[in-house]
Amino acid sequence: MSRDKFLISVIIAFAFCLLILSKSRNKNLIKDDCYTIGVIIRKTHSKVSDMEYVYFIKGNKIKQTGYSKDKKKRKVGSRFFVIFNKNRPKSSELFVNLPVPDSIQKAPYGGWDKIPIPEYQKYVDDYFEKITNNWFTRMIPPW
């Protein structure tokens, strides 16, 4: 096998592994999901993230990084809803298009079972349904 064919095979295998890990992460995230409030604490400039956010679960402060396509919304100090896995609270995703209204000051100690704004919860449910159950991801293990 030529070197070029070998390199292409490695790249394809690597991409497939990334797809499997991403699907597994998303399925685990929504399997035991809870919701809380995350606050953007700083902007970052790496290839894999463009913000750092923090949230509290059962008194524990958790820092995570994330990426947002909407650069205007990711302002330091802004509050957004975060989905996290209640069995692995560091597994999370912040939704910059779901700002926390001023009427909600803090989240319950262990988080909410559902976002207290029904339209926001529907958005999250539809989002994960779309990325975990489309024609392409159905062909990728784990099924």
Protein backbone atom coordinates (compact mmCIF):
# COMPACT_ATOMS: atom_id res chain seq x y z
CA MET A 1 0.00 0.00 0.00
CA SER A 2 1.38 3.38 -0.88
CA ARG A 3 2.07 5.97 1.77
CA ASP A 4 -0.76 8.23 0.50
CA LYS A 5 -3.35 5.46 0.71
CA PHE A 6 -2.16 4.57 4.21
CA LEU A 7 -2.43 8.22 5.32
CA ILE A 8 -5.94 8.54 3.88
CA SER A 9 -6.96 5.31 5.66
CA VAL A 10 -5.64 6.63 8.98
CA ILE A 11 -7.49 9.95 8.54
CA ILE A 12 -10.76 8.16 7.73
CA ALA A 13 -10.37 5.82 10.72
CA PHE A 14 -9.60 8.79 13.00
CA ALA A 15 -12.65 10.71 11.76
CA PHE A 16 -14.87 7.66 12.32
CA CYS A 17 -13.55 7.29 15.88
CA LEU A 18 -14.33 10.96 16.55
CA LEU A 19 -17.89 10.46 15.29
CA ILE A 20 -18.36 7.44 17.58
CA LEU A 21 -17.02 9.36 20.59
CA SER A 22 -19.21 12.37 19.82
CA LYS A 23 -22.35 10.25 19.46
CA SER A 24 -21.57 8.35 22.66
CA ARG A 25 -20.97 11.61 24.56
CA ASN A 26 -24.25 13.10 23.36
CA LYS A 27 -26.24 9.96 24.20
CA ASN A 28 -24.68 9.83 27.69
CA LEU A 29 -25.36 13.52 28.22
CA ILE A 30 -29.09 13.21 27.51
CA LYS A 31 -29.48 9.80 29.18
CA ASP A 32 -29.13 11.21 32.72
CA ASP A 33 -29.64 14.88 31.97
CA CYS A 34 -30.06 17.74 34.40
CA TYR A 35 -29.95 21.47 33.85
CA THR A 36 -28.38 24.39 35.65
CA ILE A 37 -27.09 27.90 35.06
CA GLY A 38 -23.67 28.48 33.55
CA VAL A 39 -21.80 31.77 33.51
CA ILE A 40 -19.19 32.63 30.89
CA ILE A 41 -16.05 33.64 32.79
CA ARG A 42 -13.67 34.32 29.93
CA LYS A 43 -13.18 34.13 26.21
CA THR A 44 -10.51 31.77 24.94
CA HIS A 45 -8.77 31.56 21.61
CA SER A 46 -7.94 27.91 21.04
CA LYS A 47 -8.85 25.69 18.12
CA VAL A 48 -11.35 23.63 20.13
CA SER A 49 -13.01 26.22 22.36
CA ASP A 50 -13.73 29.91 22.43
CA MET A 51 -15.09 30.35 25.95
CA GLU A 52 -14.73 29.09 29.49
CA TYR A 53 -17.79 28.79 31.68
CA VAL A 54 -18.56 27.78 35.24
CA TYR A 55 -21.55 26.19 36.95
CA PHE A 56 -22.30 24.78 40.39
CA ILE A 57 -23.67 21.32 41.16
CA LYS A 58 -24.33 20.32 44.77
CA GLY A 59 -21.92 23.01 45.94
CA ASN A 60 -19.14 21.95 43.57
CA LYS A 61 -17.77 24.53 41.15
CA ILE A 62 -17.19 23.05 37.70
CA LYS A 63 -15.22 24.84 34.99
CA GLN A 64 -15.62 23.80 31.38
CA THR A 65 -14.79 25.10 27.95
CA GLY A 66 -17.09 25.33 24.97
CA TYR A 67 -17.52 26.61 21.49
CA SER A 68 -20.20 28.90 20.11
CA LYS A 69 -20.97 29.81 16.53
CA ASP A 70 -22.66 32.98 17.79
CA LYS A 71 -19.76 35.15 18.92
CA LYS A 72 -22.01 38.10 19.84
CA LYS A 73 -23.84 36.19 22.57
CA ARG A 74 -20.79 34.81 24.38
CA LYS A 75 -20.11 37.81 26.59
CA VAL A 76 -18.21 37.43 29.85
CA GLY A 77 -20.68 37.41 32.73
CA SER A 78 -23.62 36.25 30.61
CA ARG A 79 -25.77 33.45 32.05
CA PHE A 80 -27.05 30.55 29.97
CA PHE A 81 -28.64 27.18 30.57
CA VAL A 82 -26.30 24.18 30.77
CA ILE A 83 -27.18 20.53 30.30
CA PHE A 84 -25.05 18.12 32.34
CA ASN A 85 -25.01 14.42 33.13
CA LYS A 86 -26.07 13.96 36.77
CA ASN A 87 -23.78 10.93 37.16
CA ARG A 88 -20.83 12.73 35.55
CA PRO A 89 -21.42 16.46 36.21
CA LYS A 90 -18.32 17.51 34.27
CA SER A 91 -19.95 16.22 31.08
CA SER A 92 -21.88 19.29 29.94
CA GLU A 93 -22.85 21.66 27.18
CA LEU A 94 -23.71 25.34 27.46
CA PHE A 95 -26.38 26.77 25.17
CA VAL A 96 -25.53 30.39 24.29
CA ASN A 97 -28.86 30.76 22.51
CA LEU A 98 -30.74 29.99 25.75
CA PRO A 99 -30.08 32.93 28.08
CA VAL A 100 -31.28 32.72 31.66
CA PRO A 101 -33.87 35.44 32.32
CA ASP A 102 -33.39 37.82 35.26
CA SER A 103 -36.47 36.28 36.90
CA ILE A 104 -34.43 33.11 37.54
CA GLN A 105 -31.69 33.97 40.02
CA LYS A 106 -30.28 30.52 40.81
CA ALA A 107 -30.68 26.85 40.05
CA PRO A 108 -31.68 24.19 42.59
CA TYR A 109 -28.84 22.52 44.51
CA GLY A 110 -28.70 19.48 42.18
CA GLY A 111 -30.07 21.21 39.08
CA TRP A 112 -33.44 20.97 37.35
CA ASP A 113 -34.82 17.83 35.71
CA LYS A 114 -36.11 20.08 32.93
CA ILE A 115 -35.35 23.67 31.96
CA PRO A 116 -38.02 25.80 33.68
CA ILE A 117 -38.89 27.45 30.35
CA PRO A 118 -40.84 24.97 28.17
CA GLU A 119 -39.77 26.50 24.83
CA TYR A 120 -36.12 26.19 25.86
CA GLN A 121 -36.61 22.56 26.90
CA LYS A 122 -38.25 21.81 23.55
CA TYR A 123 -35.27 23.38 21.76
CA VAL A 124 -32.81 21.17 23.70
CA ASP A 125 -34.89 18.03 23.14
CA ASP A 126 -35.16 18.75 19.40
CA TYR A 127 -31.44 19.58 19.19
CA PHE A 128 -30.34 16.26 20.70
CA GLU A 129 -32.93 14.31 18.72
CA LYS A 130 -31.56 15.85 15.53
CA ILE A 131 -27.89 15.15 16.27
CA THR A 132 -28.32 11.66 17.76
CA ASN A 133 -31.06 10.22 15.60
CA ASN A 134 -30.57 11.32 12.01
CA TRP A 135 -29.93 9.01 9.07
CA PHE A 136 -26.15 9.42 9.33
CA THR A 137 -25.72 8.92 13.08
CA ARG A 138 -28.00 5.86 13.05
CA MET A 139 -25.30 4.10 11.00
CA ILE A 140 -22.59 4.87 13.58
CA PRO A 141 -22.19 2.67 16.67
CA PRO A 142 -23.14 2.64 19.50
CA TRP A 143 -26.69 2.01 18.35
